[in-house]
């Protein structure tokens, strides 16, 4: 069951945060900031309102015409949507994960998903307080549910402002993660093809 984000509570907490920072939440520049932040959070954290199963149901539109035997010849033909641009927020500091590019591959099992649905799945999984590693796991699970295929791979690269703008302050650092399921995990030749195509 999907849940709603409590924007009124966010407004109250943002107002308190502004006061805690030593500013006046009633001054002209900040008077509407709590409402703006609440609206922004409702947008950028939309994925928190849904479970992986619900997201799979939302974006599981598939096509079977001509694909009844897809993935069954030698089991290594795959669909790849590369470099889906999105962003997320780290759950440790609520800091932005930016310049994020996600590539999603799967071996069709009798049907294929609409390509835009794969991008929407990636977006929705990222719109949560997240770890980059978990984004890959969430997308893989949603893809398995939506496509009916167990054979899924997710590759993510991103910059983390908790590393680039604070703390250790290494602006050129980039984090890359790979999530492999079933044939992508066990078939080395398949892995090599995937990595060549995502370079």
C-alpha atoms as a PDB file:
ATOM      1  CA  UNK A   1       0.000   0.000   0.000  1.00  0.00           C
ATOM      2  CA  UNK A   2       1.507   3.335  -1.059  1.00  0.00           C
ATOM      3  CA  UNK A   3       1.934   6.029   1.565  1.00  0.00           C
ATOM      4  CA  UNK A   4       1.924   9.811   1.319  1.00  0.00           C
ATOM      5  CA  UNK A   5       4.736  12.162   2.320  1.00  0.00           C
ATOM      6  CA  UNK A   6       3.685  14.430   5.216  1.00  0.00           C
ATOM      7  CA  UNK A   7       4.472  17.844   3.724  1.00  0.00           C
ATOM      8  CA  UNK A   8       2.984  19.747   6.700  1.00  0.00           C
ATOM      9  CA  UNK A   9       5.365  17.981   9.092  1.00  0.00           C
ATOM     10  CA  UNK A  10       8.282  18.756   6.757  1.00  0.00           C
ATOM     11  CA  UNK A  11       7.328  22.447   6.769  1.00  0.00           C
ATOM     12  CA  UNK A  12       7.350  22.520  10.578  1.00  0.00           C
ATOM     13  CA  UNK A  13      10.716  20.759  10.804  1.00  0.00           C
ATOM     14  CA  UNK A  14      12.329  22.982   8.158  1.00  0.00           C
ATOM     15  CA  UNK A  15      11.127  26.040  10.046  1.00  0.00           C
ATOM     16  CA  UNK A  16      12.720  24.640  13.210  1.00  0.00           C
ATOM     17  CA  UNK A  17      15.925  23.876  11.334  1.00  0.00           C
ATOM     18  CA  UNK A  18      16.173  27.447  10.069  1.00  0.00           C
ATOM     19  CA  UNK A  19      15.771  28.678  13.661  1.00  0.00           C
ATOM     20  CA  UNK A  20      18.393  26.168  14.865  1.00  0.00           C
ATOM     21  CA  UNK A  21      20.799  27.505  12.238  1.00  0.00           C
ATOM     22  CA  UNK A  22      20.392  30.959  13.799  1.00  0.00           C
ATOM     23  CA  UNK A  23      18.288  32.520  11.077  1.00  0.00           C
ATOM     24  CA  UNK A  24      14.834  34.062  11.142  1.00  0.00           C
ATOM     25  CA  UNK A  25      12.313  31.870   9.293  1.00  0.00           C
ATOM     26  CA  UNK A  26       9.940  34.850   9.052  1.00  0.00           C
ATOM     27  CA  UNK A  27      12.291  37.126   7.131  1.00  0.00           C
ATOM     28  CA  UNK A  28      11.385  37.847   3.510  1.00  0.00           C
ATOM     29  CA  UNK A  29      13.854  35.461   1.866  1.00  0.00           C
ATOM     30  CA  UNK A  30      12.904  32.522   4.102  1.00  0.00           C
ATOM     31  CA  UNK A  31       9.172  33.089   4.701  1.00  0.00           C
ATOM     32  CA  UNK A  32       8.118  30.539   2.066  1.00  0.00           C
ATOM     33  CA  UNK A  33      11.171  28.280   2.304  1.00  0.00           C
ATOM     34  CA  UNK A  34       9.485  25.586   4.463  1.00  0.00           C
ATOM     35  CA  UNK A  35       6.712  25.181   1.864  1.00  0.00           C
ATOM     36  CA  UNK A  36       9.220  25.134  -1.006  1.00  0.00           C
ATOM     37  CA  UNK A  37      11.358  22.498   0.696  1.00  0.00           C
ATOM     38  CA  UNK A  38       8.283  20.390   1.480  1.00  0.00           C
ATOM     39  CA  UNK A  39       7.198  20.465  -2.171  1.00  0.00           C
ATOM     40  CA  UNK A  40      10.730  19.626  -3.293  1.00  0.00           C
ATOM     41  CA  UNK A  41      10.996  16.696  -0.844  1.00  0.00           C
ATOM     42  CA  UNK A  42       7.635  15.336  -2.027  1.00  0.00           C
ATOM     43  CA  UNK A  43       9.065  15.318  -5.551  1.00  0.00           C
ATOM     44  CA  UNK A  44      12.620  14.069  -4.989  1.00  0.00           C
ATOM     45  CA  UNK A  45      11.602  11.408  -2.434  1.00  0.00           C
ATOM     46  CA  UNK A  46       8.548  10.147  -4.336  1.00  0.00           C
ATOM     47  CA  UNK A  47      10.000   6.631  -4.468  1.00  0.00           C
ATOM     48  CA  UNK A  48       9.680   6.347  -0.682  1.00  0.00           C
ATOM     49  CA  UNK A  49       5.907   6.224  -1.123  1.00  0.00           C
ATOM     50  CA  UNK A  50       6.028   2.867  -2.945  1.00  0.00           C
ATOM     51  CA  UNK A  51       7.434  -0.602  -2.405  1.00  0.00           C
ATOM     52  CA  UNK A  52       9.549  -2.265  -5.089  1.00  0.00           C
ATOM     53  CA  UNK A  53       6.564  -4.467  -5.924  1.00  0.00           C
ATOM     54  CA  UNK A  54       4.309  -1.427  -6.408  1.00  0.00           C
ATOM     55  CA  UNK A  55       6.880   0.258  -8.662  1.00  0.00           C
ATOM     56  CA  UNK A  56       7.110  -2.943 -10.741  1.00  0.00           C
ATOM     57  CA  UNK A  57       3.325  -2.911 -11.120  1.00  0.00           C
ATOM     58  CA  UNK A  58       3.327   0.795 -12.076  1.00  0.00           C
ATOM     59  CA  UNK A  59       5.941   0.382 -14.819  1.00  0.00           C
ATOM     60  CA  UNK A  60       5.511  -3.246 -15.823  1.00  0.00           C
ATOM     61  CA  UNK A  61       3.877  -2.585 -19.211  1.00  0.00           C
ATOM     62  CA  UNK A  62       5.354  -5.161 -21.557  1.00  0.00           C
ATOM     63  CA  UNK A  63       5.079  -6.374 -25.139  1.00  0.00           C
ATOM     64  CA  UNK A  64       4.981 -10.037 -26.088  1.00  0.00           C
ATOM     65  CA  UNK A  65       4.318  -9.846 -29.846  1.00  0.00           C
ATOM     66  CA  UNK A  66       7.273 -11.458 -31.571  1.00  0.00           C
ATOM     67  CA  UNK A  67       9.096 -12.061 -28.305  1.00  0.00           C
ATOM     68  CA  UNK A  68       7.535 -15.326 -27.211  1.00  0.00           C
ATOM     69  CA  UNK A  69      10.878 -17.057 -27.722  1.00  0.00           C
ATOM     70  CA  UNK A  70      13.047 -14.130 -26.635  1.00  0.00           C
ATOM     71  CA  UNK A  71      15.932 -15.175 -24.480  1.00  0.00           C
ATOM     72  CA  UNK A  72      15.406 -18.884 -25.084  1.00  0.00           C
ATOM     73  CA  UNK A  73      17.768 -19.593 -28.022  1.00  0.00           C
ATOM     74  CA  UNK A  74      21.102 -19.497 -26.233  1.00  0.00           C
ATOM     75  CA  UNK A  75      19.884 -17.321 -23.388  1.00  0.00           C
ATOM     76  CA  UNK A  76      22.387 -14.534 -23.959  1.00  0.00           C
ATOM     77  CA  UNK A  77      20.536 -11.928 -26.069  1.00  0.00           C
ATOM     78  CA  UNK A  78      19.922  -8.955 -23.818  1.00  0.00           C
ATOM     79  CA  UNK A  79      18.360  -5.498 -23.804  1.00  0.00           C
ATOM     80  CA  UNK A  80      20.502  -2.625 -22.498  1.00  0.00           C
ATOM     81  CA  UNK A  81      19.388   0.896 -21.640  1.00  0.00           C
ATOM     82  CA  UNK A  82      22.570   2.841 -21.011  1.00  0.00           C
ATOM     83  CA  UNK A  83      23.424   6.035 -19.118  1.00  0.00           C
ATOM     84  CA  UNK A  84      20.057   6.885 -17.574  1.00  0.00           C
ATOM     85  CA  UNK A  85      20.757  10.207 -15.862  1.00  0.00           C
ATOM     86  CA  UNK A  86      19.266  10.682 -12.416  1.00  0.00           C
ATOM     87  CA  UNK A  87      20.185  11.654  -8.843  1.00  0.00           C
ATOM     88  CA  UNK A  88      19.568  10.498  -5.325  1.00  0.00           C
ATOM     89  CA  UNK A  89      20.213  11.447  -1.701  1.00  0.00           C
ATOM     90  CA  UNK A  90      22.551   9.603   0.649  1.00  0.00           C
ATOM     91  CA  UNK A  91      20.790   8.305   3.749  1.00  0.00           C
ATOM     92  CA  UNK A  92      23.824   9.015   5.961  1.00  0.00           C
ATOM     93  CA  UNK A  93      24.077  12.792   5.402  1.00  0.00           C
ATOM     94  CA  UNK A  94      21.008  13.471   3.215  1.00  0.00           C
ATOM     95  CA  UNK A  95      23.639  14.696   0.748  1.00  0.00           C
ATOM     96  CA  UNK A  96      23.159  14.725  -3.006  1.00  0.00           C
ATOM     97  CA  UNK A  97      24.415  11.880  -5.194  1.00  0.00           C
ATOM     98  CA  UNK A  98      24.828  13.644  -8.533  1.00  0.00           C
ATOM     99  CA  UNK A  99      26.082  13.072 -12.083  1.00  0.00           C
ATOM    100  CA  UNK A 100      24.527   9.642 -11.593  1.00  0.00           C
ATOM    101  CA  UNK A 101      24.316   7.411 -14.643  1.00  0.00           C
ATOM    102  CA  UNK A 102      22.527   4.075 -14.490  1.00  0.00           C
ATOM    103  CA  UNK A 103      22.719   1.319 -17.090  1.00  0.00           C
ATOM    104  CA  UNK A 104      20.180  -1.514 -16.912  1.00  0.00           C
ATOM    105  CA  UNK A 105      20.350  -4.786 -18.856  1.00  0.00           C
ATOM    106  CA  UNK A 106      18.092  -7.833 -18.842  1.00  0.00           C
ATOM    107  CA  UNK A 107      17.547 -10.990 -20.876  1.00  0.00           C
ATOM    108  CA  UNK A 108      13.900 -11.033 -22.058  1.00  0.00           C
ATOM    109  CA  UNK A 109      11.835 -13.989 -20.925  1.00  0.00           C
ATOM    110  CA  UNK A 110       8.952 -14.068 -23.405  1.00  0.00           C
ATOM    111  CA  UNK A 111       8.276 -10.321 -23.266  1.00  0.00           C
ATOM    112  CA  UNK A 112      10.045  -6.959 -23.287  1.00  0.00           C
ATOM    113  CA  UNK A 113       9.410  -3.840 -21.240  1.00  0.00           C
ATOM    114  CA  UNK A 114       8.783  -0.459 -22.822  1.00  0.00           C
ATOM    115  CA  UNK A 115      12.161   1.309 -22.830  1.00  0.00           C
ATOM    116  CA  UNK A 116      10.852   4.393 -21.040  1.00  0.00           C
ATOM    117  CA  UNK A 117       9.585   2.135 -18.254  1.00  0.00           C
ATOM    118  CA  UNK A 118      13.158   1.028 -17.509  1.00  0.00           C
ATOM    119  CA  UNK A 119      14.218   4.672 -17.127  1.00  0.00           C
ATOM    120  CA  UNK A 120      11.203   5.341 -14.894  1.00  0.00           C
ATOM    121  CA  UNK A 121      12.088   2.341 -12.710  1.00  0.00           C
ATOM    122  CA  UNK A 122      15.642   3.687 -12.285  1.00  0.00           C
ATOM    123  CA  UNK A 123      14.310   7.151 -11.431  1.00  0.00           C
ATOM    124  CA  UNK A 124      11.813   5.886  -8.881  1.00  0.00           C
ATOM    125  CA  UNK A 125      14.314   3.614  -7.133  1.00  0.00           C
ATOM    126  CA  UNK A 126      16.694   6.584  -6.814  1.00  0.00           C
ATOM    127  CA  UNK A 127      14.001   8.878  -5.362  1.00  0.00           C
ATOM    128  CA  UNK A 128      14.545   7.587  -1.842  1.00  0.00           C
ATOM    129  CA  UNK A 129      17.026   8.112   0.957  1.00  0.00           C
ATOM    130  CA  UNK A 130      19.509   5.646  -0.471  1.00  0.00           C
ATOM    131  CA  UNK A 131      22.862   3.975  -0.631  1.00  0.00           C
ATOM    132  CA  UNK A 132      24.233   3.623  -4.151  1.00  0.00           C
ATOM    133  CA  UNK A 133      24.638  -0.119  -3.576  1.00  0.00           C
ATOM    134  CA  UNK A 134      20.957  -0.396  -2.606  1.00  0.00           C
ATOM    135  CA  UNK A 135      19.800   1.533  -5.669  1.00  0.00           C
ATOM    136  CA  UNK A 136      21.335  -1.222  -7.815  1.00  0.00           C
ATOM    137  CA  UNK A 137      19.700  -3.923  -5.705  1.00  0.00           C
ATOM    138  CA  UNK A 138      16.305  -2.182  -5.796  1.00  0.00           C
ATOM    139  CA  UNK A 139      16.400  -1.681  -9.574  1.00  0.00           C
ATOM    140  CA  UNK A 140      17.417  -5.311 -10.104  1.00  0.00           C
ATOM    141  CA  UNK A 141      14.532  -6.541  -7.946  1.00  0.00           C
ATOM    142  CA  UNK A 142      11.990  -4.245  -9.624  1.00  0.00           C
ATOM    143  CA  UNK A 143      13.235  -5.285 -13.080  1.00  0.00           C
ATOM    144  CA  UNK A 144      12.902  -8.962 -12.187  1.00  0.00           C
ATOM    145  CA  UNK A 145       9.326  -8.405 -11.018  1.00  0.00           C
ATOM    146  CA  UNK A 146       8.348  -6.181 -13.961  1.00  0.00           C
ATOM    147  CA  UNK A 147      10.003  -8.165 -16.764  1.00  0.00           C
ATOM    148  CA  UNK A 148       9.532 -11.707 -15.499  1.00  0.00           C
ATOM    149  CA  UNK A 149      13.245 -12.302 -16.115  1.00  0.00           C
ATOM    150  CA  UNK A 150      15.694 -13.275 -13.388  1.00  0.00           C
ATOM    151  CA  UNK A 151      18.665 -12.237 -15.557  1.00  0.00           C
ATOM    152  CA  UNK A 152      19.299  -8.575 -14.750  1.00  0.00           C
ATOM    153  CA  UNK A 153      22.356  -6.319 -14.451  1.00  0.00           C
ATOM    154  CA  UNK A 154      22.576  -2.764 -13.094  1.00  0.00           C
ATOM    155  CA  UNK A 155      25.675  -0.556 -13.381  1.00  0.00           C
ATOM    156  CA  UNK A 156      25.811   2.809 -11.615  1.00  0.00           C
ATOM    157  CA  UNK A 157      28.366   5.597 -11.493  1.00  0.00           C
ATOM    158  CA  UNK A 158      27.868   8.709  -9.368  1.00  0.00           C
ATOM    159  CA  UNK A 159      29.536  11.521  -7.475  1.00  0.00           C
ATOM    160  CA  UNK A 160      28.683  11.878  -3.792  1.00  0.00           C
ATOM    161  CA  UNK A 161      28.608  15.362  -2.299  1.00  0.00           C
ATOM    162  CA  UNK A 162      29.243  13.845   1.143  1.00  0.00           C
ATOM    163  CA  UNK A 163      32.727  13.094  -0.277  1.00  0.00           C
ATOM    164  CA  UNK A 164      33.204  15.922  -2.763  1.00  0.00           C
ATOM    165  CA  UNK A 165      31.850  18.947  -0.848  1.00  0.00           C
ATOM    166  CA  UNK A 166      32.479  18.039   2.810  1.00  0.00           C
ATOM    167  CA  UNK A 167      34.561  15.705   4.930  1.00  0.00           C
ATOM    168  CA  UNK A 168      37.464  14.407   2.856  1.00  0.00           C
ATOM    169  CA  UNK A 169      36.607  16.841  -0.007  1.00  0.00           C
ATOM    170  CA  UNK A 170      37.795  14.854  -3.009  1.00  0.00           C
ATOM    171  CA  UNK A 171      35.886  16.507  -5.900  1.00  0.00           C
ATOM    172  CA  UNK A 172      37.090  14.125  -8.608  1.00  0.00           C
ATOM    173  CA  UNK A 173      36.116  10.939  -6.743  1.00  0.00           C
ATOM    174  CA  UNK A 174      33.470   8.772  -8.368  1.00  0.00           C
ATOM    175  CA  UNK A 175      31.738   5.662  -7.059  1.00  0.00           C
ATOM    176  CA  UNK A 176      30.832   2.772  -9.348  1.00  0.00           C
ATOM    177  CA  UNK A 177      28.705  -0.229  -8.431  1.00  0.00           C
ATOM    178  CA  UNK A 178      27.641  -3.336 -10.330  1.00  0.00           C
ATOM    179  CA  UNK A 179      24.671  -5.519  -9.419  1.00  0.00           C
ATOM    180  CA  UNK A 180      24.435  -8.840 -11.270  1.00  0.00           C
ATOM    181  CA  UNK A 181      21.656 -11.401 -11.099  1.00  0.00           C
ATOM    182  CA  UNK A 182      21.509 -15.004 -12.385  1.00  0.00           C
ATOM    183  CA  UNK A 183      23.131 -15.387 -15.858  1.00  0.00           C
ATOM    184  CA  UNK A 184      24.842 -12.004 -15.625  1.00  0.00           C
ATOM    185  CA  UNK A 185      26.434 -13.228 -12.397  1.00  0.00           C
ATOM    186  CA  UNK A 186      27.520 -16.671 -13.632  1.00  0.00           C
ATOM    187  CA  UNK A 187      28.308 -16.214 -17.343  1.00  0.00           C
ATOM    188  CA  UNK A 188      31.731 -14.568 -17.773  1.00  0.00           C
ATOM    189  CA  UNK A 189      31.317 -14.080 -21.535  1.00  0.00           C
ATOM    190  CA  UNK A 190      27.998 -12.326 -20.932  1.00  0.00           C
ATOM    191  CA  UNK A 191      29.617 -10.103 -18.308  1.00  0.00           C
ATOM    192  CA  UNK A 192      32.398  -9.164 -20.721  1.00  0.00           C
ATOM    193  CA  UNK A 193      29.900  -8.240 -23.464  1.00  0.00           C
ATOM    194  CA  UNK A 194      27.978  -6.110 -20.987  1.00  0.00           C
ATOM    195  CA  UNK A 195      31.087  -4.292 -19.776  1.00  0.00           C
ATOM    196  CA  UNK A 196      32.222  -3.651 -23.353  1.00  0.00           C
ATOM    197  CA  UNK A 197      28.870  -2.129 -24.220  1.00  0.00           C
ATOM    198  CA  UNK A 198      28.775   0.083 -21.121  1.00  0.00           C
ATOM    199  CA  UNK A 199      32.295   1.494 -21.373  1.00  0.00           C
END
